């Protein structure tokens, strides 16, 4: 503001000075006329010189004022830009239903949570109480680095708790990798992460509880697949394909599961399937050719097993093996003798392409319960998925589109099932009213 005042002050002096000089010039006109032409010319030149000097002074003063004003604005903005911003209040873990627990130094990298929300940290004492001190009878399954327990939380919520022995660097890496990936992923066909915890050399991951266990248990356990009808099996395959498509096509960067198998496909109370166990998963493009060879025998794609080449087509191969399990009711690898094994792919491939033999190798539980056209179509999809050459395998999106018409509308597909009237044996007498 002082700069503008200075500017107007100089303007006023300039204008007022000129008016006074003009008045003095009028009063002295007669006198100058009498002194002669030469004196008048000299006076006129002096007045012009003074006006020019005054104009230059005013212009310079104005320019300096503007520069000072700009400098003041720059200093003001610079000071404001360094003011500390107030941190937004974050919701506590208590509000999320889980208690905050401390992290050990070796798990510090796990603090880099996903963009869609942080992970709740669970106090170890809560998990210990919820699993009844990790009672053996609460074990739901076993993995490479530990067991999964059924747990009842303080609010009576049933959850699954994976207990990982993190004594090795590989186990620590899998623990951190799974928590990091699942914290960024939200999809109906991918297991939900509820929280995590570390205690001494043990890591704990808390998931939603899947009441019907794994697909492996349903197919190869005591029930031998009796709870899975043809349409239910197609729904499970469709759910798994949807989860896999989300990883391949909608995650940025895309994610390769790397350990897709029937034991990692979990089923909830309504037999909705969800992919689980992301410890070995990798982001597409993240040094895929330099990672350690991992996976499960029978599900590992040939190019990955032999050459270490890992792509999304490696997951498609594993999906094809799961599809054969659903179709045939056989394990991915079966022993023929003490030192001899045979994969389901090697055994089934010659018969899958022979329509006269295909109905005879279908799982007896679902034999003769499906439309043969649908059976041939599923077999064709499975054959394409397990092709030795990766380029011959379809994208999981194409597999998904092939399965949707085979699943009834009420199970998430587009198939409209018509109820057919039971056939009547003509040899039987008509029923009397």
Protein backbone atom coordinates (compact mmCIF):
# COMPACT_ATOMS: atom_id res chain seq x y z
CA UNK A 1 0.00 0.00 0.00
CA UNK A 2 2.88 2.39 0.79
CA UNK A 3 4.12 1.87 -2.76
CA UNK A 4 0.82 3.08 -4.21
CA UNK A 5 0.83 6.11 -1.83
CA UNK A 6 4.34 7.03 -2.95
CA UNK A 7 3.26 6.75 -6.56
CA UNK A 8 0.28 9.12 -6.13
CA UNK A 9 2.45 11.52 -4.10
CA UNK A 10 4.90 11.90 -6.97
CA UNK A 11 2.05 12.36 -9.45
CA UNK A 12 0.56 15.11 -7.27
CA UNK A 13 3.90 16.93 -6.99
CA UNK A 14 4.43 16.64 -10.70
CA UNK A 15 1.01 18.03 -11.64
CA UNK A 16 1.02 20.73 -8.96
CA UNK A 17 4.53 21.83 -9.92
CA UNK A 18 3.53 22.15 -13.55
CA UNK A 19 0.44 24.24 -12.70
CA UNK A 20 2.49 26.63 -10.55
CA UNK A 21 5.05 27.06 -13.29
CA UNK A 22 2.34 27.78 -15.85
CA UNK A 23 0.84 30.45 -13.59
CA UNK A 24 4.25 32.04 -13.00
CA UNK A 25 4.88 31.90 -16.68
CA UNK A 26 1.63 33.81 -17.37
CA UNK A 27 2.47 36.50 -14.82
CA UNK A 28 5.91 37.01 -16.28
CA UNK A 29 4.81 37.05 -19.89
CA UNK A 30 4.82 40.79 -20.17
CA UNK A 31 8.15 41.05 -18.44
CA UNK A 32 9.72 38.45 -20.72
CA UNK A 33 8.35 40.23 -23.76
CA UNK A 34 10.10 43.38 -22.71
CA UNK A 35 13.44 41.67 -22.11
CA UNK A 36 13.61 40.43 -25.60
CA UNK A 37 13.23 37.36 -27.71
CA UNK A 38 16.58 35.84 -26.76
CA UNK A 39 15.84 35.74 -23.03
CA UNK A 40 12.42 34.19 -23.64
CA UNK A 41 13.96 31.36 -25.61
CA UNK A 42 16.44 30.53 -22.83
CA UNK A 43 13.69 30.49 -20.20
CA UNK A 44 11.56 28.22 -22.34
CA UNK A 45 14.45 25.73 -22.74
CA UNK A 46 15.05 25.66 -18.97
CA UNK A 47 11.37 24.93 -18.28
CA UNK A 48 11.38 22.05 -20.80
CA UNK A 49 14.50 20.58 -19.20
CA UNK A 50 12.94 20.69 -15.71
CA UNK A 51 9.77 18.96 -16.96
CA UNK A 52 11.79 16.15 -18.50
CA UNK A 53 13.77 15.63 -15.29
CA UNK A 54 10.58 15.54 -13.22
CA UNK A 55 8.99 13.02 -15.60
CA UNK A 56 12.02 10.75 -15.38
CA UNK A 57 12.00 10.95 -11.57
CA UNK A 58 8.29 10.04 -11.44
CA UNK A 59 8.72 7.13 -13.87
CA UNK A 60 11.69 5.71 -11.95
CA UNK A 61 9.89 6.07 -8.64
CA UNK A 62 6.85 4.27 -10.02
CA UNK A 63 8.97 1.43 -11.40
CA UNK A 64 10.80 0.99 -8.09
CA UNK A 65 7.46 0.97 -6.23
CA UNK A 66 6.09 -1.77 -8.50
CA UNK A 67 9.22 -3.87 -8.07
CA UNK A 68 9.07 -3.50 -4.29
CA UNK A 69 5.41 -4.53 -4.36
CA UNK A 70 6.17 -7.68 -6.37
CA UNK A 71 9.06 -8.51 -4.04
CA UNK A 72 6.77 -8.17 -1.03
CA UNK A 73 4.17 -10.53 -2.58
CA UNK A 74 6.87 -13.10 -3.39
CA UNK A 75 8.21 -13.05 0.19
CA UNK A 76 4.66 -13.36 1.58
CA UNK A 77 3.86 -16.41 -0.56
CA UNK A 78 7.19 -18.03 0.19
CA UNK A 79 6.59 -17.74 3.93
CA UNK A 80 3.09 -19.23 3.63
CA UNK A 81 4.29 -22.16 1.53
CA UNK A 82 6.50 -23.35 4.39
CA UNK A 83 3.72 -23.33 6.98
CA UNK A 84 3.18 -26.90 8.33
CA UNK A 85 -0.02 -28.48 7.08
CA UNK A 86 -2.37 -29.91 9.62
CA UNK A 87 -2.50 -33.70 9.52
CA UNK A 88 -5.85 -35.23 8.87
CA UNK A 89 -7.06 -37.34 11.75
CA UNK A 90 -6.77 -41.04 10.97
CA UNK A 91 -9.23 -43.62 12.16
CA UNK A 92 -7.82 -45.71 14.95
CA UNK A 93 -7.54 -49.48 14.83
CA UNK A 94 -10.06 -49.66 17.65
CA UNK A 95 -12.64 -48.10 15.34
CA UNK A 96 -11.90 -50.86 12.83
CA UNK A 97 -12.62 -53.50 15.48
CA UNK A 98 -8.98 -54.56 15.92
CA UNK A 99 -6.35 -53.51 18.44
CA UNK A 100 -3.04 -51.93 17.48
CA UNK A 101 -0.01 -54.14 18.07
CA UNK A 102 3.70 -53.35 17.78
CA UNK A 103 5.84 -54.33 14.80
CA UNK A 104 9.27 -55.82 15.12
CA UNK A 105 12.17 -54.16 13.36
CA UNK A 106 12.56 -56.95 10.83
CA UNK A 107 9.01 -56.40 9.57
CA UNK A 108 9.38 -52.66 9.01
CA UNK A 109 8.78 -52.92 5.26
CA UNK A 110 5.25 -54.11 5.95
CA UNK A 111 4.37 -50.57 7.05
CA UNK A 112 4.09 -49.56 3.39
CA UNK A 113 0.41 -50.24 3.09
CA UNK A 114 -1.86 -50.23 0.05
CA UNK A 115 -3.36 -47.18 -1.59
CA UNK A 116 -6.93 -48.24 -0.89
CA UNK A 117 -6.49 -48.32 2.87
CA UNK A 118 -4.12 -49.33 5.60
CA UNK A 119 -4.04 -52.69 7.36
CA UNK A 120 -5.34 -53.11 10.90
CA UNK A 121 -2.73 -54.43 13.31
CA UNK A 122 -4.03 -57.06 15.70
CA UNK A 123 -2.67 -57.53 19.19
CA UNK A 124 -1.13 -60.97 19.66
CA UNK A 125 -3.02 -61.55 22.95
CA UNK A 126 -6.32 -61.20 21.11
CA UNK A 127 -5.35 -63.85 18.55
CA UNK A 128 -4.06 -66.14 21.27
CA UNK A 129 -7.37 -65.93 23.09
CA UNK A 130 -9.45 -66.19 19.90
CA UNK A 131 -7.75 -69.44 18.84
CA UNK A 132 -7.75 -70.87 22.39
CA UNK A 133 -3.95 -70.64 22.48
CA UNK A 134 -3.75 -72.01 18.93
CA UNK A 135 -5.41 -75.25 19.86
CA UNK A 136 -4.72 -78.09 17.44
CA UNK A 137 -8.44 -78.83 17.04
CA UNK A 138 -8.90 -75.34 15.57
CA UNK A 139 -6.57 -76.03 12.64
CA UNK A 140 -8.33 -75.56 9.30
CA UNK A 141 -5.38 -76.37 7.06
CA UNK A 142 -1.61 -76.48 6.75
CA UNK A 143 0.80 -74.75 4.41
CA UNK A 144 4.50 -74.58 3.71
CA UNK A 145 5.33 -72.23 6.61
CA UNK A 146 2.55 -72.90 9.10
CA UNK A 147 -1.12 -73.57 9.79
CA UNK A 148 -4.45 -71.79 9.43
CA UNK A 149 -6.63 -71.66 12.55
CA UNK A 150 -10.28 -70.97 13.14
CA UNK A 151 -10.68 -68.09 15.60
CA UNK A 152 -13.55 -66.40 17.41
CA UNK A 153 -12.86 -62.73 18.06
CA UNK A 154 -14.13 -60.71 21.02
CA UNK A 155 -17.16 -59.48 19.08
CA UNK A 156 -18.08 -63.12 18.30
CA UNK A 157 -16.83 -62.75 14.73
CA UNK A 158 -15.42 -65.96 13.24
CA UNK A 159 -12.22 -65.47 11.26
CA UNK A 160 -9.31 -67.49 9.90
CA UNK A 161 -5.80 -66.85 11.21
CA UNK A 162 -2.72 -67.95 9.28
CA UNK A 163 0.26 -68.52 11.55
CA UNK A 164 3.60 -68.29 9.72
CA UNK A 165 6.96 -69.34 11.10
CA UNK A 166 9.09 -66.43 9.89
CA UNK A 167 12.43 -67.90 10.89
CA UNK A 168 13.64 -67.82 7.27
CA UNK A 169 13.94 -64.88 4.92
CA UNK A 170 11.64 -66.60 2.40
CA UNK A 171 8.87 -66.82 4.98
CA UNK A 172 9.29 -63.16 5.94
CA UNK A 173 9.15 -62.19 2.27
CA UNK A 174 5.95 -64.19 1.69
CA UNK A 175 4.32 -62.71 4.79
CA UNK A 176 5.11 -59.14 3.77
CA UNK A 177 4.20 -59.78 0.13
CA UNK A 178 0.78 -61.21 0.97
CA UNK A 179 -0.14 -58.43 3.39
CA UNK A 180 1.04 -55.76 0.95
CA UNK A 181 -0.88 -57.19 -2.03
CA UNK A 182 -4.11 -58.00 -0.21
CA UNK A 183 -4.16 -54.51 1.33
CA UNK A 184 -4.51 -53.14 -2.22
CA UNK A 185 -6.98 -55.68 -3.59
CA UNK A 186 -10.74 -55.67 -3.11
CA UNK A 187 -12.77 -58.11 -5.18
CA UNK A 188 -15.68 -60.50 -4.46
CA UNK A 189 -13.63 -63.47 -5.67
CA UNK A 190 -10.44 -62.70 -3.74
CA UNK A 191 -10.08 -63.40 -0.02
CA UNK A 192 -10.49 -60.35 2.23
CA UNK A 193 -7.66 -59.30 4.54
CA UNK A 194 -8.86 -58.23 8.00
CA UNK A 195 -5.57 -57.61 9.77
CA UNK A 196 -2.09 -58.83 10.64
CA UNK A 197 0.27 -59.19 13.57
CA UNK A 198 3.85 -60.18 14.41
CA UNK A 199 5.10 -61.82 17.59
CA UNK A 200 8.72 -62.86 18.05
CA UNK A 201 9.61 -64.76 14.84
CA UNK A 202 5.99 -65.47 13.90
CA UNK A 203 3.68 -63.61 11.56
CA UNK A 204 -0.11 -63.77 11.68
CA UNK A 205 -2.59 -62.87 8.92
CA UNK A 206 -6.30 -62.57 9.66
CA UNK A 207 -8.80 -63.33 6.86
CA UNK A 208 -12.52 -63.73 6.53
CA UNK A 209 -13.57 -67.28 7.39
CA UNK A 210 -14.58 -69.47 4.45
CA UNK A 211 -17.00 -71.98 5.96
CA UNK A 212 -16.80 -74.65 3.25
CA UNK A 213 -13.02 -74.84 3.25
CA UNK A 214 -10.97 -75.35 0.12
CA UNK A 215 -11.95 -76.77 -3.23
CA UNK A 216 -9.30 -79.45 -2.70
CA UNK A 217 -11.01 -80.65 0.48
CA UNK A 218 -14.41 -80.69 -1.21
CA UNK A 219 -13.15 -82.65 -4.23
CA UNK A 220 -10.59 -84.99 -2.70
CA UNK A 221 -11.64 -85.10 0.96
CA UNK A 222 -14.06 -87.49 2.69
CA UNK A 223 -17.09 -86.23 0.72
CA UNK A 224 -15.33 -86.93 -2.62
CA UNK A 225 -17.15 -84.02 -4.28
CA UNK A 226 -20.67 -85.17 -3.41
CA UNK A 227 -21.68 -81.60 -2.43
CA UNK A 228 -20.62 -80.22 -5.81
CA UNK A 229 -23.13 -80.58 -8.62
CA UNK A 230 -22.25 -79.89 -12.24
CA UNK A 231 -23.63 -76.36 -12.12
CA UNK A 232 -21.94 -75.71 -8.77
CA UNK A 233 -18.60 -76.79 -10.22
CA UNK A 234 -19.05 -74.49 -13.19
CA UNK A 235 -19.89 -71.64 -10.81
CA UNK A 236 -16.69 -72.28 -8.84
CA UNK A 237 -14.68 -72.27 -12.08
CA UNK A 238 -16.36 -69.02 -13.12
CA UNK A 239 -15.66 -67.38 -9.75
CA UNK A 240 -12.00 -68.39 -9.91
CA UNK A 241 -11.72 -67.05 -13.47
CA UNK A 242 -13.23 -63.74 -12.36
CA UNK A 243 -10.72 -63.42 -9.54
CA UNK A 244 -7.86 -64.24 -11.87
CA UNK A 245 -9.09 -61.80 -14.51
CA UNK A 246 -9.11 -59.04 -11.90
CA UNK A 247 -5.47 -59.77 -11.09
CA UNK A 248 -4.40 -59.90 -14.74
CA UNK A 249 -6.50 -57.16 -16.29
CA UNK A 250 -7.56 -54.69 -13.61
CA UNK A 251 -4.64 -54.48 -11.17
CA UNK A 252 -1.96 -51.89 -11.92
CA UNK A 253 0.57 -53.33 -12.33
CA UNK A 254 -0.98 -56.71 -13.22
CA UNK A 255 -0.48 -59.48 -10.67
CA UNK A 256 0.51 -63.09 -11.40
CA UNK A 257 -0.71 -65.39 -8.63
CA UNK A 258 1.97 -68.01 -9.29
CA UNK A 259 0.44 -70.62 -6.97
CA UNK A 260 -3.10 -71.14 -8.21
CA UNK A 261 -4.40 -74.58 -7.17
CA UNK A 262 -7.50 -76.18 -5.71
CA UNK A 263 -6.24 -75.80 -2.12
CA UNK A 264 -5.92 -72.03 -2.68
CA UNK A 265 -9.51 -71.68 -3.91
CA UNK A 266 -11.69 -71.25 -0.83
CA UNK A 267 -15.47 -71.62 -0.61
CA UNK A 268 -17.80 -69.65 1.64
CA UNK A 269 -21.10 -70.84 3.11
CA UNK A 270 -22.84 -70.40 -0.28
CA UNK A 271 -19.98 -72.00 -2.25
CA UNK A 272 -18.81 -68.68 -3.62
CA UNK A 273 -15.16 -69.20 -4.58
CA UNK A 274 -12.32 -66.84 -3.65
CA UNK A 275 -8.62 -66.95 -4.48
CA UNK A 276 -6.25 -67.02 -1.50
CA UNK A 277 -2.57 -67.38 -0.52
CA UNK A 278 -0.75 -64.52 -2.26
CA UNK A 279 2.64 -65.10 -0.68
CA UNK A 280 4.23 -66.08 -3.99
CA UNK A 281 2.33 -63.59 -6.16
CA UNK A 282 4.39 -61.13 -8.21
CA UNK A 283 3.63 -57.89 -10.01
CA UNK A 284 3.91 -58.38 -13.78
CA UNK A 285 7.22 -56.98 -14.97
CA UNK A 286 8.93 -56.99 -11.55
CA UNK A 287 12.08 -59.00 -12.39
CA UNK A 288 10.04 -62.07 -13.30
CA UNK A 289 12.98 -63.84 -14.88
CA UNK A 290 15.13 -63.47 -11.76
CA UNK A 291 12.71 -64.78 -9.13
CA UNK A 292 13.07 -68.12 -7.43
CA UNK A 293 11.18 -71.03 -9.02
CA UNK A 294 8.13 -71.71 -6.85
CA UNK A 295 4.79 -73.43 -7.17
CA UNK A 296 3.12 -76.80 -6.71
CA UNK A 297 3.86 -79.92 -8.72
CA UNK A 298 1.12 -80.57 -11.24
CA UNK A 299 0.09 -76.92 -11.54
CA UNK A 300 3.37 -75.35 -12.70
CA UNK A 301 3.43 -74.45 -16.39
CA UNK A 302 6.14 -76.21 -18.48
CA UNK A 303 7.88 -73.02 -19.64
CA UNK A 304 8.16 -71.79 -16.05
CA UNK A 305 9.36 -75.14 -14.77
CA UNK A 306 11.96 -75.65 -17.50
CA UNK A 307 13.04 -72.14 -18.50
CA UNK A 308 11.87 -69.96 -15.60
CA UNK A 309 9.65 -67.88 -17.92
CA UNK A 310 6.73 -66.51 -15.92
CA UNK A 311 3.73 -64.75 -17.53
CA UNK A 312 -0.01 -64.49 -16.97
CA UNK A 313 -0.31 -67.58 -19.18
CA UNK A 314 1.36 -69.52 -16.35
CA UNK A 315 -1.72 -68.81 -14.23
CA UNK A 316 -3.95 -69.85 -17.14
CA UNK A 317 -2.19 -73.23 -17.23
CA UNK A 318 -2.81 -73.73 -13.50
CA UNK A 319 -6.45 -72.75 -13.99
CA UNK A 320 -6.76 -75.41 -16.71
CA UNK A 321 -5.51 -78.04 -14.24
CA UNK A 322 -8.12 -76.91 -11.68
CA UNK A 323 -10.79 -77.15 -14.40
CA UNK A 324 -9.71 -80.74 -15.08
CA UNK A 325 -10.00 -81.50 -11.36
CA UNK A 326 -13.59 -80.20 -11.38
CA UNK A 327 -14.37 -82.16 -14.50
CA UNK A 328 -12.71 -85.47 -13.71
CA UNK A 329 -12.56 -85.55 -9.90
CA UNK A 330 -8.90 -86.59 -9.99
CA UNK A 331 -5.86 -85.08 -8.27
CA UNK A 332 -3.38 -83.08 -10.40
CA UNK A 333 -0.69 -85.74 -9.84
CA UNK A 334 -1.38 -89.37 -8.96
CA UNK A 335 1.03 -92.16 -8.09
CA UNK A 336 1.15 -95.12 -10.42
CA UNK A 337 3.87 -96.91 -8.49
CA UNK A 338 6.27 -96.19 -5.65
CA UNK A 339 8.58 -94.12 -7.83
CA UNK A 340 6.28 -93.24 -10.72
CA UNK A 341 3.70 -90.46 -10.98
CA UNK A 342 1.36 -89.27 -13.71
CA UNK A 343 -0.13 -85.84 -14.12
CA UNK A 344 -3.79 -85.32 -14.84
CA UNK A 345 -2.84 -83.44 -18.01
CA UNK A 346 -0.80 -86.32 -19.44
CA UNK A 347 -3.48 -88.88 -18.55
CA UNK A 348 -6.52 -86.96 -19.75
CA UNK A 349 -5.31 -85.14 -22.86
CA UNK A 350 -5.83 -88.03 -25.37
CA UNK A 351 -9.34 -88.67 -24.04
CA UNK A 352 -10.50 -85.07 -23.68
CA UNK A 353 -10.49 -84.60 -27.45
CA UNK A 354 -12.35 -87.86 -28.11
CA UNK A 355 -16.08 -87.32 -27.66
CA UNK A 356 -16.75 -91.04 -27.44
CA UNK A 357 -14.35 -91.42 -24.49
CA UNK A 358 -14.93 -88.13 -22.68
CA UNK A 359 -18.23 -89.04 -20.93
CA UNK A 360 -16.58 -92.15 -19.48
CA UNK A 361 -13.77 -90.30 -17.67
CA UNK A 362 -15.98 -87.65 -16.04
CA UNK A 363 -16.20 -87.69 -12.23
CA UNK A 364 -18.78 -90.38 -11.36
CA UNK A 365 -20.49 -87.95 -8.97
CA UNK A 366 -21.61 -85.72 -11.88
CA UNK A 367 -21.70 -88.28 -14.68
CA UNK A 368 -24.79 -87.99 -16.93
CA UNK A 369 -25.99 -84.86 -15.08
CA UNK A 370 -25.01 -82.27 -17.66
CA UNK A 371 -25.76 -81.33 -21.24
CA UNK A 372 -23.16 -83.11 -23.38
CA UNK A 373 -22.63 -79.95 -25.43
CA UNK A 374 -21.63 -78.15 -22.25
CA UNK A 375 -19.32 -80.99 -21.30
CA UNK A 376 -17.56 -80.83 -24.66
CA UNK A 377 -17.23 -77.06 -24.36
CA UNK A 378 -15.65 -77.20 -20.89
CA UNK A 379 -13.28 -79.96 -22.04
CA UNK A 380 -12.23 -77.81 -25.02
CA UNK A 381 -11.50 -74.85 -22.73
CA UNK A 382 -9.43 -77.04 -20.42
CA UNK A 383 -7.43 -78.45 -23.35
CA UNK A 384 -6.58 -74.94 -24.55
CA UNK A 385 -5.54 -73.80 -21.07
CA UNK A 386 -3.03 -76.63 -20.60
CA UNK A 387 -1.33 -76.32 -23.98
CA UNK A 388 2.47 -76.74 -23.66
CA UNK A 389 3.06 -73.64 -25.78
CA UNK A 390 2.02 -70.47 -23.83
CA UNK A 391 1.02 -68.56 -26.97
CA UNK A 392 -1.63 -71.21 -27.73
CA UNK A 393 -3.35 -70.68 -24.38
CA UNK A 394 -6.23 -68.21 -24.19
CA UNK A 395 -6.30 -65.12 -22.01
CA UNK A 396 -8.23 -65.59 -18.79
CA UNK A 397 -10.77 -63.06 -20.11
CA UNK A 398 -11.53 -65.40 -23.02
CA UNK A 399 -11.90 -68.32 -20.61
CA UNK A 400 -14.28 -66.26 -18.53
CA UNK A 401 -16.48 -65.46 -21.52
CA UNK A 402 -16.61 -69.17 -22.42
CA UNK A 403 -17.79 -70.18 -18.94
CA UNK A 404 -20.46 -67.53 -18.34
CA UNK A 405 -23.08 -69.19 -20.64
CA UNK A 406 -22.61 -72.51 -18.80
CA UNK A 407 -23.56 -71.20 -15.35
CA UNK A 408 -27.22 -70.67 -14.36
CA UNK A 409 -28.41 -67.10 -13.88
CA UNK A 410 -29.07 -67.65 -10.18
CA UNK A 411 -25.42 -68.74 -9.75
CA UNK A 412 -23.92 -65.73 -11.53
CA UNK A 413 -23.98 -66.84 -15.18
CA UNK A 414 -26.37 -66.34 -18.09
CA UNK A 415 -27.74 -69.88 -18.51
CA UNK A 416 -31.51 -70.20 -18.09
CA UNK A 417 -32.26 -73.70 -16.90
CA UNK A 418 -35.59 -75.10 -18.05
CA UNK A 419 -37.27 -77.73 -15.92
CA UNK A 420 -38.02 -80.79 -18.03
CA UNK A 421 -40.95 -83.05 -17.16
CA UNK A 422 -39.88 -86.54 -16.04
CA UNK A 423 -40.27 -89.19 -18.70
CA UNK A 424 -42.98 -91.81 -18.15
CA UNK A 425 -42.33 -95.48 -18.84
CA UNK A 426 -45.02 -96.62 -21.31
CA UNK A 427 -45.07 -100.07 -19.70
CA UNK A 428 -46.44 -98.64 -16.48
CA UNK A 429 -50.21 -98.27 -16.10
CA UNK A 430 -51.60 -94.75 -15.94
CA UNK A 431 -51.99 -93.40 -12.46
CA UNK A 432 -55.57 -93.45 -11.17
CA UNK A 433 -57.10 -90.37 -9.61
